[in-house]
């Protein structure tokens, strides 16, 4: 069975291949237990140094391939650190309970 860690590692690998400014992924929501739930999206925030429209066009094929290959549904929010902080609802939820995975897709402990 697919785990959330495997999904995040796969996305991170794809993002690192294309983007020099990818910094990591936050996991939040129902999948915080590490399990893929049939009726729930895996909710993720991806952090980049820069935000532009061409990046968004490159992100979605990676997410689509991971969804298809791993039979999961992903709800991804791409942000820079600044735009992430401006989206207060998601930012507060993620900072309160989210788990950060570095650019290699490895879980990091909160400091």
PDB file of N, CA and C in Angstrom:
ATOM      1  N   UNK A   1       0.839  -1.194   0.000  1.00  0.00           N
ATOM      2  CA  UNK A   1       0.000   0.000   0.000  1.00  0.00           C
ATOM      3  C   UNK A   1       0.886   1.261   0.000  1.00  0.00           C
ATOM      4  N   UNK A   2       0.487   2.225  -0.762  1.00  0.00           N
ATOM      5  CA  UNK A   2       1.217   3.485  -0.880  1.00  0.00           C
ATOM      6  C   UNK A   2       1.120   4.279   0.419  1.00  0.00           C
ATOM      7  N   UNK A   3       2.245   4.888   0.829  1.00  0.00           N
ATOM      8  CA  UNK A   3       2.222   5.771   1.996  1.00  0.00           C
ATOM      9  C   UNK A   3       2.378   7.220   1.546  1.00  0.00           C
ATOM     10  N   UNK A   4       1.995   8.122   2.421  1.00  0.00           N
ATOM     11  CA  UNK A   4       2.130   9.545   2.126  1.00  0.00           C
ATOM     12  C   UNK A   4       3.610   9.903   1.950  1.00  0.00           C
ATOM     13  N   UNK A   5       4.499   9.315   2.742  1.00  0.00           N
ATOM     14  CA  UNK A   5       5.936   9.580   2.609  1.00  0.00           C
ATOM     15  C   UNK A   5       6.427   9.239   1.207  1.00  0.00           C
ATOM     16  N   UNK A   6       5.952   8.121   0.654  1.00  0.00           N
ATOM     17  CA  UNK A   6       6.355   7.725  -0.704  1.00  0.00           C
ATOM     18  C   UNK A   6       5.862   8.740  -1.734  1.00  0.00           C
ATOM     19  N   UNK A   7       4.643   9.221  -1.554  1.00  0.00           N
ATOM     20  CA  UNK A   7       4.076  10.209  -2.476  1.00  0.00           C
ATOM     21  C   UNK A   7       4.906  11.491  -2.436  1.00  0.00           C
ATOM     22  N   UNK A   8       5.239  11.942  -1.230  1.00  0.00           N
ATOM     23  CA  UNK A   8       6.003  13.182  -1.085  1.00  0.00           C
ATOM     24  C   UNK A   8       7.412  13.025  -1.649  1.00  0.00           C
ATOM     25  N   UNK A   9       8.035  11.883  -1.434  1.00  0.00           N
ATOM     26  CA  UNK A   9       9.375  11.659  -2.005  1.00  0.00           C
ATOM     27  C   UNK A   9       9.319  11.712  -3.526  1.00  0.00           C
ATOM     28  N   UNK A  10       8.289  11.126  -4.101  1.00  0.00           N
ATOM     29  CA  UNK A  10       8.146  11.100  -5.568  1.00  0.00           C
ATOM     30  C   UNK A  10       7.928  12.503  -6.138  1.00  0.00           C
ATOM     31  N   UNK A  11       7.080  13.300  -5.470  1.00  0.00           N
ATOM     32  CA  UNK A  11       6.851  14.679  -5.909  1.00  0.00           C
ATOM     33  C   UNK A  11       8.139  15.482  -5.773  1.00  0.00           C
ATOM     34  N   UNK A  12       8.820  15.327  -4.646  1.00  0.00           N
ATOM     35  CA  UNK A  12      10.065  16.067  -4.404  1.00  0.00           C
ATOM     36  C   UNK A  12      11.102  15.750  -5.473  1.00  0.00           C
ATOM     37  N   UNK A  13      11.207  14.492  -5.842  1.00  0.00           N
ATOM     38  CA  UNK A  13      12.162  14.093  -6.877  1.00  0.00           C
ATOM     39  C   UNK A  13      11.834  14.805  -8.192  1.00  0.00           C
ATOM     40  N   UNK A  14      10.559  14.826  -8.565  1.00  0.00           N
ATOM     41  CA  UNK A  14      10.141  15.502  -9.791  1.00  0.00           C
ATOM     42  C   UNK A  14      10.389  17.002  -9.744  1.00  0.00           C
ATOM     43  N   UNK A  15      10.071  17.627  -8.610  1.00  0.00           N
ATOM     44  CA  UNK A  15      10.275  19.067  -8.475  1.00  0.00           C
ATOM     45  C   UNK A  15      11.761  19.412  -8.503  1.00  0.00           C
ATOM     46  N   UNK A  16      12.595  18.626  -7.833  1.00  0.00           N
ATOM     47  CA  UNK A  16      14.035  18.890  -7.822  1.00  0.00           C
ATOM     48  C   UNK A  16      14.644  18.773  -9.212  1.00  0.00           C
ATOM     49  N   UNK A  17      14.098  17.882 -10.020  1.00  0.00           N
ATOM     50  CA  UNK A  17      14.605  17.677 -11.377  1.00  0.00           C
ATOM     51  C   UNK A  17      14.378  18.914 -12.246  1.00  0.00           C
ATOM     52  N   UNK A  18      13.263  19.605 -12.028  1.00  0.00           N
ATOM     53  CA  UNK A  18      12.883  20.732 -12.878  1.00  0.00           C
ATOM     54  C   UNK A  18      13.189  22.099 -12.261  1.00  0.00           C
ATOM     55  N   UNK A  19      13.033  22.223 -10.939  1.00  0.00           N
ATOM     56  CA  UNK A  19      13.114  23.537 -10.295  1.00  0.00           C
ATOM     57  C   UNK A  19      14.332  23.650  -9.377  1.00  0.00           C
ATOM     58  N   UNK A  20      15.157  24.683  -9.616  1.00  0.00           N
ATOM     59  CA  UNK A  20      16.304  24.955  -8.747  1.00  0.00           C
ATOM     60  C   UNK A  20      15.867  25.579  -7.424  1.00  0.00           C
ATOM     61  N   UNK A  21      14.682  26.193  -7.403  1.00  0.00           N
ATOM     62  CA  UNK A  21      14.268  26.961  -6.226  1.00  0.00           C
ATOM     63  C   UNK A  21      13.254  26.229  -5.338  1.00  0.00           C
ATOM     64  N   UNK A  22      13.085  24.928  -5.528  1.00  0.00           N
ATOM     65  CA  UNK A  22      12.186  24.140  -4.685  1.00  0.00           C
ATOM     66  C   UNK A  22      12.823  23.975  -3.308  1.00  0.00           C
ATOM     67  N   UNK A  23      12.063  24.245  -2.246  1.00  0.00           N
ATOM     68  CA  UNK A  23      12.605  24.208  -0.880  1.00  0.00           C
ATOM     69  C   UNK A  23      12.036  23.089  -0.010  1.00  0.00           C
ATOM     70  N   UNK A  24      10.850  22.599  -0.341  1.00  0.00           N
ATOM     71  CA  UNK A  24      10.281  21.526   0.464  1.00  0.00           C
ATOM     72  C   UNK A  24       8.769  21.532   0.423  1.00  0.00           C
ATOM     73  N   UNK A  25       8.188  20.588   1.174  1.00  0.00           N
ATOM     74  CA  UNK A  25       6.737  20.380   1.163  1.00  0.00           C
ATOM     75  C   UNK A  25       6.239  20.248   2.593  1.00  0.00           C
ATOM     76  N   UNK A  26       5.122  20.906   2.860  1.00  0.00           N
ATOM     77  CA  UNK A  26       4.410  20.707   4.118  1.00  0.00           C
ATOM     78  C   UNK A  26       3.224  19.779   3.867  1.00  0.00           C
ATOM     79  N   UNK A  27       3.045  18.821   4.741  1.00  0.00           N
ATOM     80  CA  UNK A  27       1.868  17.947   4.736  1.00  0.00           C
ATOM     81  C   UNK A  27       0.934  18.434   5.828  1.00  0.00           C
ATOM     82  N   UNK A  28      -0.361  18.513   5.514  1.00  0.00           N
ATOM     83  CA  UNK A  28      -1.348  18.862   6.532  1.00  0.00           C
ATOM     84  C   UNK A  28      -2.652  18.152   6.203  1.00  0.00           C
ATOM     85  N   UNK A  29      -3.622  18.249   7.095  1.00  0.00           N
ATOM     86  CA  UNK A  29      -4.925  17.661   6.843  1.00  0.00           C
ATOM     87  C   UNK A  29      -5.032  16.210   7.264  1.00  0.00           C
ATOM     88  N   UNK A  30      -5.951  15.492   6.636  1.00  0.00           N
ATOM     89  CA  UNK A  30      -6.321  14.137   7.047  1.00  0.00           C
ATOM     90  C   UNK A  30      -5.187  13.123   6.929  1.00  0.00           C
ATOM     91  N   UNK A  31      -4.207  13.378   6.093  1.00  0.00           N
ATOM     92  CA  UNK A  31      -3.141  12.400   5.863  1.00  0.00           C
ATOM     93  C   UNK A  31      -1.951  12.548   6.818  1.00  0.00           C
ATOM     94  N   UNK A  32      -2.096  13.370   7.842  1.00  0.00           N
ATOM     95  CA  UNK A  32      -1.006  13.553   8.797  1.00  0.00           C
ATOM     96  C   UNK A  32      -0.598  12.252   9.486  1.00  0.00           C
ATOM     97  N   UNK A  33      -1.493  11.270   9.479  1.00  0.00           N
ATOM     98  CA  UNK A  33      -1.166   9.973  10.092  1.00  0.00           C
ATOM     99  C   UNK A  33      -0.275   9.124   9.191  1.00  0.00           C
ATOM    100  N   UNK A  34       0.063   9.654   8.004  1.00  0.00           N
ATOM    101  CA  UNK A  34       0.955   8.938   7.093  1.00  0.00           C
ATOM    102  C   UNK A  34       0.251   7.966   6.168  1.00  0.00           C
ATOM    103  N   UNK A  35      -1.041   7.848   6.322  1.00  0.00           N
ATOM    104  CA  UNK A  35      -1.817   6.908   5.510  1.00  0.00           C
ATOM    105  C   UNK A  35      -2.537   7.645   4.374  1.00  0.00           C
ATOM    106  N   UNK A  36      -2.710   6.945   3.268  1.00  0.00           N
ATOM    107  CA  UNK A  36      -3.518   7.450   2.168  1.00  0.00           C
ATOM    108  C   UNK A  36      -4.954   7.006   2.446  1.00  0.00           C
ATOM    109  N   UNK A  37      -5.865   7.990   2.539  1.00  0.00           N
ATOM    110  CA  UNK A  37      -7.270   7.704   2.822  1.00  0.00           C
ATOM    111  C   UNK A  37      -8.070   7.784   1.525  1.00  0.00           C
ATOM    112  N   UNK A  38      -8.872   6.771   1.289  1.00  0.00           N
ATOM    113  CA  UNK A  38      -9.574   6.636   0.008  1.00  0.00           C
ATOM    114  C   UNK A  38     -10.406   7.857  -0.364  1.00  0.00           C
ATOM    115  N   UNK A  39     -11.108   8.456   0.593  1.00  0.00           N
ATOM    116  CA  UNK A  39     -12.002   9.569   0.284  1.00  0.00           C
ATOM    117  C   UNK A  39     -11.409  10.935   0.610  1.00  0.00           C
ATOM    118  N   UNK A  40     -10.103  11.007   0.859  1.00  0.00           N
ATOM    119  CA  UNK A  40      -9.458  12.262   1.238  1.00  0.00           C
ATOM    120  C   UNK A  40      -8.293  12.570   0.301  1.00  0.00           C
ATOM    121  N   UNK A  41      -8.136  13.850  -0.025  1.00  0.00           N
ATOM    122  CA  UNK A  41      -6.962  14.291  -0.775  1.00  0.00           C
ATOM    123  C   UNK A  41      -5.759  14.336   0.159  1.00  0.00           C
ATOM    124  N   UNK A  42      -4.578  14.158  -0.400  1.00  0.00           N
ATOM    125  CA  UNK A  42      -3.347  14.418   0.346  1.00  0.00           C
ATOM    126  C   UNK A  42      -3.092  15.911   0.187  1.00  0.00           C
ATOM    127  N   UNK A  43      -3.173  16.648   1.286  1.00  0.00           N
ATOM    128  CA  UNK A  43      -3.047  18.102   1.231  1.00  0.00           C
ATOM    129  C   UNK A  43      -1.603  18.515   1.474  1.00  0.00           C
ATOM    130  N   UNK A  44      -1.051  19.254   0.494  1.00  0.00           N
ATOM    131  CA  UNK A  44       0.360  19.635   0.524  1.00  0.00           C
ATOM    132  C   UNK A  44       0.540  21.104   0.177  1.00  0.00           C
ATOM    133  N   UNK A  45       1.551  21.713   0.777  1.00  0.00           N
ATOM    134  CA  UNK A  45       2.013  23.041   0.409  1.00  0.00           C
ATOM    135  C   UNK A  45       3.448  22.880  -0.063  1.00  0.00           C
ATOM    136  N   UNK A  46       3.731  23.282  -1.295  1.00  0.00           N
ATOM    137  CA  UNK A  46       5.099  23.237  -1.832  1.00  0.00           C
ATOM    138  C   UNK A  46       5.678  24.646  -1.775  1.00  0.00           C
ATOM    139  N   UNK A  47       6.917  24.753  -1.267  1.00  0.00           N
ATOM    140  CA  UNK A  47       7.565  26.053  -1.107  1.00  0.00           C
ATOM    141  C   UNK A  47       8.661  26.217  -2.165  1.00  0.00           C
ATOM    142  N   UNK A  48       8.586  27.346  -2.866  1.00  0.00           N
ATOM    143  CA  UNK A  48       9.569  27.718  -3.880  1.00  0.00           C
ATOM    144  C   UNK A  48      10.094  29.115  -3.567  1.00  0.00           C
ATOM    145  N   UNK A  49      11.266  29.458  -4.085  1.00  0.00           N
ATOM    146  CA  UNK A  49      11.787  30.815  -3.912  1.00  0.00           C
ATOM    147  C   UNK A  49      11.061  31.812  -4.805  1.00  0.00           C
ATOM    148  N   UNK A  50      10.646  31.363  -5.989  1.00  0.00           N
ATOM    149  CA  UNK A  50      10.009  32.254  -6.959  1.00  0.00           C
ATOM    150  C   UNK A  50       8.671  31.680  -7.399  1.00  0.00           C
ATOM    151  N   UNK A  51       7.757  32.590  -7.753  1.00  0.00           N
ATOM    152  CA  UNK A  51       6.448  32.168  -8.237  1.00  0.00           C
ATOM    153  C   UNK A  51       6.206  32.800  -9.597  1.00  0.00           C
ATOM    154  N   UNK A  52       5.921  31.987 -10.576  1.00  0.00           N
ATOM    155  CA  UNK A  52       5.557  32.516 -11.891  1.00  0.00           C
ATOM    156  C   UNK A  52       4.634  31.525 -12.590  1.00  0.00           C
ATOM    157  N   UNK A  53       3.932  32.009 -13.597  1.00  0.00           N
ATOM    158  CA  UNK A  53       2.938  31.186 -14.275  1.00  0.00           C
ATOM    159  C   UNK A  53       3.538  29.972 -14.973  1.00  0.00           C
ATOM    160  N   UNK A  54       4.746  30.109 -15.513  1.00  0.00           N
ATOM    161  CA  UNK A  54       5.343  28.977 -16.215  1.00  0.00           C
ATOM    162  C   UNK A  54       5.619  27.834 -15.240  1.00  0.00           C
ATOM    163  N   UNK A  55       5.958  28.166 -14.015  1.00  0.00           N
ATOM    164  CA  UNK A  55       6.196  27.132 -13.005  1.00  0.00           C
ATOM    165  C   UNK A  55       4.911  26.347 -12.743  1.00  0.00           C
ATOM    166  N   UNK A  56       3.812  27.060 -12.623  1.00  0.00           N
ATOM    167  CA  UNK A  56       2.532  26.387 -12.362  1.00  0.00           C
ATOM    168  C   UNK A  56       2.196  25.405 -13.492  1.00  0.00           C
ATOM    169  N   UNK A  57       2.520  25.761 -14.711  1.00  0.00           N
ATOM    170  CA  UNK A  57       2.262  24.866 -15.845  1.00  0.00           C
ATOM    171  C   UNK A  57       3.138  23.621 -15.794  1.00  0.00           C
ATOM    172  N   UNK A  58       4.316  23.721 -15.176  1.00  0.00           N
ATOM    173  CA  UNK A  58       5.219  22.572 -15.062  1.00  0.00           C
ATOM    174  C   UNK A  58       4.889  21.694 -13.850  1.00  0.00           C
ATOM    175  N   UNK A  59       4.270  22.286 -12.843  1.00  0.00           N
ATOM    176  CA  UNK A  59       3.944  21.549 -11.616  1.00  0.00           C
ATOM    177  C   UNK A  59       2.862  20.494 -11.876  1.00  0.00           C
ATOM    178  N   UNK A  60       1.805  20.878 -12.568  1.00  0.00           N
ATOM    179  CA  UNK A  60       0.622  20.009 -12.656  1.00  0.00           C
ATOM    180  C   UNK A  60       0.854  18.698 -13.392  1.00  0.00           C
ATOM    181  N   UNK A  61       1.680  18.650 -14.435  1.00  0.00           N
ATOM    182  CA  UNK A  61       1.957  17.326 -15.027  1.00  0.00           C
ATOM    183  C   UNK A  61       2.676  16.375 -14.057  1.00  0.00           C
ATOM    184  N   UNK A  62       3.536  16.929 -13.205  1.00  0.00           N
ATOM    185  CA  UNK A  62       4.231  16.091 -12.207  1.00  0.00           C
ATOM    186  C   UNK A  62       3.211  15.530 -11.223  1.00  0.00           C
ATOM    187  N   UNK A  63       2.337  16.410 -10.720  1.00  0.00           N
ATOM    188  CA  UNK A  63       1.312  15.974  -9.762  1.00  0.00           C
ATOM    189  C   UNK A  63       0.389  14.948 -10.421  1.00  0.00           C
ATOM    190  N   UNK A  64      -0.020  15.206 -11.644  1.00  0.00           N
ATOM    191  CA  UNK A  64      -0.906  14.276 -12.355  1.00  0.00           C
ATOM    192  C   UNK A  64      -0.284  12.906 -12.533  1.00  0.00           C
ATOM    193  N   UNK A  65       1.004  12.863 -12.856  1.00  0.00           N
ATOM    194  CA  UNK A  65       1.686  11.576 -13.033  1.00  0.00           C
ATOM    195  C   UNK A  65       1.764  10.821 -11.711  1.00  0.00           C
ATOM    196  N   UNK A  66       2.085  11.523 -10.631  1.00  0.00           N
ATOM    197  CA  UNK A  66       2.147  10.867  -9.317  1.00  0.00           C
ATOM    198  C   UNK A  66       0.764  10.353  -8.927  1.00  0.00           C
ATOM    199  N   UNK A  67      -0.263  11.153  -9.156  1.00  0.00           N
ATOM    200  CA  UNK A  67      -1.632  10.720  -8.833  1.00  0.00           C
ATOM    201  C   UNK A  67      -1.997   9.449  -9.600  1.00  0.00           C
ATOM    202  N   UNK A  68      -1.688   9.432 -10.891  1.00  0.00           N
ATOM    203  CA  UNK A  68      -2.024   8.278 -11.726  1.00  0.00           C
ATOM    204  C   UNK A  68      -1.198   7.056 -11.344  1.00  0.00           C
ATOM    205  N   UNK A  69       0.120   7.230 -11.220  1.00  0.00           N
ATOM    206  CA  UNK A  69       1.004   6.103 -10.926  1.00  0.00           C
ATOM    207  C   UNK A  69       0.759   5.498  -9.546  1.00  0.00           C
ATOM    208  N   UNK A  70       0.403   6.353  -8.581  1.00  0.00           N
ATOM    209  CA  UNK A  70       0.297   5.887  -7.194  1.00  0.00           C
ATOM    210  C   UNK A  70      -1.156   5.766  -6.724  1.00  0.00           C
ATOM    211  N   UNK A  71      -2.110   6.073  -7.609  1.00  0.00           N
ATOM    212  CA  UNK A  71      -3.532   5.977  -7.314  1.00  0.00           C
ATOM    213  C   UNK A  71      -3.915   6.768  -6.061  1.00  0.00           C
ATOM    214  N   UNK A  72      -3.549   8.058  -6.077  1.00  0.00           N
ATOM    215  CA  UNK A  72      -3.878   8.966  -4.979  1.00  0.00           C
ATOM    216  C   UNK A  72      -4.457  10.253  -5.558  1.00  0.00           C
ATOM    217  N   UNK A  73      -5.043  11.075  -4.702  1.00  0.00           N
ATOM    218  CA  UNK A  73      -5.522  12.392  -5.091  1.00  0.00           C
ATOM    219  C   UNK A  73      -4.763  13.418  -4.262  1.00  0.00           C
ATOM    220  N   UNK A  74      -4.160  14.391  -4.929  1.00  0.00           N
ATOM    221  CA  UNK A  74      -3.303  15.369  -4.274  1.00  0.00           C
ATOM    222  C   UNK A  74      -3.901  16.753  -4.433  1.00  0.00           C
ATOM    223  N   UNK A  75      -3.954  17.484  -3.326  1.00  0.00           N
ATOM    224  CA  UNK A  75      -4.373  18.876  -3.326  1.00  0.00           C
ATOM    225  C   UNK A  75      -3.129  19.684  -2.975  1.00  0.00           C
ATOM    226  N   UNK A  76      -2.496  20.272  -3.988  1.00  0.00           N
ATOM    227  CA  UNK A  76      -1.214  20.954  -3.798  1.00  0.00           C
ATOM    228  C   UNK A  76      -1.375  22.464  -3.923  1.00  0.00           C
ATOM    229  N   UNK A  77      -0.777  23.171  -2.976  1.00  0.00           N
ATOM    230  CA  UNK A  77      -0.747  24.628  -2.992  1.00  0.00           C
ATOM    231  C   UNK A  77       0.702  25.072  -3.185  1.00  0.00           C
ATOM    232  N   UNK A  78       1.074  25.593  -4.356  1.00  0.00           N
ATOM    233  CA  UNK A  78       2.444  26.085  -4.538  1.00  0.00           C
ATOM    234  C   UNK A  78       2.550  27.534  -4.057  1.00  0.00           C
ATOM    235  N   UNK A  79       3.541  27.809  -3.236  1.00  0.00           N
ATOM    236  CA  UNK A  79       3.749  29.146  -2.681  1.00  0.00           C
ATOM    237  C   UNK A  79       5.227  29.485  -2.632  1.00  0.00           C
ATOM    238  N   UNK A  80       5.510  30.794  -2.541  1.00  0.00           N
ATOM    239  CA  UNK A  80       6.796  31.238  -2.020  1.00  0.00           C
ATOM    240  C   UNK A  80       6.585  31.373  -0.511  1.00  0.00           C
ATOM    241  N   UNK A  81       7.658  31.518   0.257  1.00  0.00           N
ATOM    242  CA  UNK A  81       7.501  31.674   1.703  1.00  0.00           C
ATOM    243  C   UNK A  81       6.632  32.899   2.018  1.00  0.00           C
ATOM    244  N   UNK A  82       6.777  33.962   1.236  1.00  0.00           N
ATOM    245  CA  UNK A  82       6.020  35.197   1.468  1.00  0.00           C
ATOM    246  C   UNK A  82       4.533  35.013   1.162  1.00  0.00           C
ATOM    247  N   UNK A  83       4.221  34.407   0.002  1.00  0.00           N
ATOM    248  CA  UNK A  83       2.800  34.232  -0.344  1.00  0.00           C
ATOM    249  C   UNK A  83       2.142  33.216   0.580  1.00  0.00           C
ATOM    250  N   UNK A  84       2.914  32.263   1.071  1.00  0.00           N
ATOM    251  CA  UNK A  84       2.385  31.279   2.023  1.00  0.00           C
ATOM    252  C   UNK A  84       1.926  31.986   3.302  1.00  0.00           C
ATOM    253  N   UNK A  85       2.743  32.860   3.824  1.00  0.00           N
ATOM    254  CA  UNK A  85       2.396  33.584   5.062  1.00  0.00           C
ATOM    255  C   UNK A  85       1.181  34.480   4.861  1.00  0.00           C
ATOM    256  N   UNK A  86       0.969  34.957   3.634  1.00  0.00           N
ATOM    257  CA  UNK A  86      -0.165  35.839   3.350  1.00  0.00           C
ATOM    258  C   UNK A  86      -1.490  35.077   3.315  1.00  0.00           C
ATOM    259  N   UNK A  87      -1.461  33.779   3.054  1.00  0.00           N
ATOM    260  CA  UNK A  87      -2.682  32.954   3.040  1.00  0.00           C
ATOM    261  C   UNK A  87      -2.903  32.440   4.459  1.00  0.00           C
ATOM    262  N   UNK A  88      -3.430  33.322   5.316  1.00  0.00           N
ATOM    263  CA  UNK A  88      -3.448  33.070   6.759  1.00  0.00           C
ATOM    264  C   UNK A  88      -4.142  31.776   7.174  1.00  0.00           C
ATOM    265  N   UNK A  89      -5.261  31.441   6.537  1.00  0.00           N
ATOM    266  CA  UNK A  89      -5.994  30.235   6.945  1.00  0.00           C
ATOM    267  C   UNK A  89      -5.138  28.984   6.783  1.00  0.00           C
ATOM    268  N   UNK A  90      -4.577  28.802   5.617  1.00  0.00           N
ATOM    269  CA  UNK A  90      -3.745  27.618   5.368  1.00  0.00           C
ATOM    270  C   UNK A  90      -2.455  27.708   6.178  1.00  0.00           C
ATOM    271  N   UNK A  91      -1.834  28.874   6.199  1.00  0.00           N
ATOM    272  CA  UNK A  91      -0.573  29.041   6.926  1.00  0.00           C
ATOM    273  C   UNK A  91      -0.735  28.657   8.397  1.00  0.00           C
ATOM    274  N   UNK A  92      -1.777  29.176   9.033  1.00  0.00           N
ATOM    275  CA  UNK A  92      -1.978  28.881  10.457  1.00  0.00           C
ATOM    276  C   UNK A  92      -2.228  27.399  10.701  1.00  0.00           C
ATOM    277  N   UNK A  93      -3.035  26.774   9.847  1.00  0.00           N
ATOM    278  CA  UNK A  93      -3.299  25.339   9.999  1.00  0.00           C
ATOM    279  C   UNK A  93      -2.011  24.528   9.829  1.00  0.00           C
ATOM    280  N   UNK A  94      -1.237  24.855   8.806  1.00  0.00           N
ATOM    281  CA  UNK A  94      -0.001  24.117   8.529  1.00  0.00           C
ATOM    282  C   UNK A  94       1.014  24.326   9.649  1.00  0.00           C
ATOM    283  N   UNK A  95       1.154  25.555  10.131  1.00  0.00           N
ATOM    284  CA  UNK A  95       2.130  25.827  11.184  1.00  0.00           C
ATOM    285  C   UNK A  95       1.732  25.161  12.502  1.00  0.00           C
ATOM    286  N   UNK A  96       0.438  25.004  12.704  1.00  0.00           N
ATOM    287  CA  UNK A  96      -0.041  24.394  13.945  1.00  0.00           C
ATOM    288  C   UNK A  96       0.155  22.885  13.959  1.00  0.00           C
ATOM    289  N   UNK A  97      -0.168  22.231  12.841  1.00  0.00           N
ATOM    290  CA  UNK A  97      -0.160  20.767  12.859  1.00  0.00           C
ATOM    291  C   UNK A  97       0.624  20.111  11.730  1.00  0.00           C
ATOM    292  N   UNK A  98       1.110  20.893  10.780  1.00  0.00           N
ATOM    293  CA  UNK A  98       1.747  20.333   9.599  1.00  0.00           C
ATOM    294  C   UNK A  98       3.115  19.717   9.866  1.00  0.00           C
ATOM    295  N   UNK A  99       3.541  18.887   8.924  1.00  0.00           N
ATOM    296  CA  UNK A  99       4.853  18.238   8.959  1.00  0.00           C
ATOM    297  C   UNK A  99       5.635  18.730   7.745  1.00  0.00           C
ATOM    298  N   UNK A 100       6.900  19.138   7.957  1.00  0.00           N
ATOM    299  CA  UNK A 100       7.729  19.630   6.857  1.00  0.00           C
ATOM    300  C   UNK A 100       8.637  18.526   6.344  1.00  0.00           C
ATOM    301  N   UNK A 101       8.698  18.415   5.024  1.00  0.00           N
ATOM    302  CA  UNK A 101       9.604  17.495   4.335  1.00  0.00           C
ATOM    303  C   UNK A 101      10.590  18.358   3.546  1.00  0.00           C
ATOM    304  N   UNK A 102      11.883  18.103   3.695  1.00  0.00           N
ATOM    305  CA  UNK A 102      12.876  18.916   2.991  1.00  0.00           C
ATOM    306  C   UNK A 102      12.826  18.637   1.490  1.00  0.00           C
ATOM    307  N   UNK A 103      13.680  19.316   0.747  1.00  0.00           N
ATOM    308  CA  UNK A 103      13.627  19.209  -0.720  1.00  0.00           C
ATOM    309  C   UNK A 103      13.924  17.801  -1.223  1.00  0.00           C
ATOM    310  N   UNK A 104      14.524  16.960  -0.388  1.00  0.00           N
ATOM    311  CA  UNK A 104      14.756  15.563  -0.759  1.00  0.00           C
ATOM    312  C   UNK A 104      13.568  14.676  -0.402  1.00  0.00           C
ATOM    313  N   UNK A 105      12.546  15.255   0.203  1.00  0.00           N
ATOM    314  CA  UNK A 105      11.356  14.499   0.569  1.00  0.00           C
ATOM    315  C   UNK A 105      11.493  13.774   1.889  1.00  0.00           C
ATOM    316  N   UNK A 106      12.416  14.226   2.738  1.00  0.00           N
ATOM    317  CA  UNK A 106      12.627  13.599   4.045  1.00  0.00           C
ATOM    318  C   UNK A 106      12.007  14.458   5.132  1.00  0.00           C
ATOM    319  N   UNK A 107      11.319  13.791   6.063  1.00  0.00           N
ATOM    320  CA  UNK A 107      10.642  14.456   7.151  1.00  0.00           C
ATOM    321  C   UNK A 107      11.653  15.164   8.055  1.00  0.00           C
ATOM    322  N   UNK A 108      11.328  16.406   8.436  1.00  0.00           N
ATOM    323  CA  UNK A 108      12.185  17.134   9.362  1.00  0.00           C
ATOM    324  C   UNK A 108      11.415  17.394  10.649  1.00  0.00           C
ATOM    325  N   UNK A 109      12.109  17.270  11.750  1.00  0.00           N
ATOM    326  CA  UNK A 109      11.482  17.536  13.047  1.00  0.00           C
ATOM    327  C   UNK A 109      11.353  19.027  13.257  1.00  0.00           C
ATOM    328  N   UNK A 110      10.276  19.418  13.948  1.00  0.00           N
ATOM    329  CA  UNK A 110      10.086  20.840  14.241  1.00  0.00           C
ATOM    330  C   UNK A 110      11.135  21.323  15.204  1.00  0.00           C
ATOM    331  N   UNK A 111      11.578  22.537  14.970  1.00  0.00           N
ATOM    332  CA  UNK A 111      12.605  23.119  15.824  1.00  0.00           C
ATOM    333  C   UNK A 111      11.971  23.844  16.975  1.00  0.00           C
TER     334      UNK A 111
END
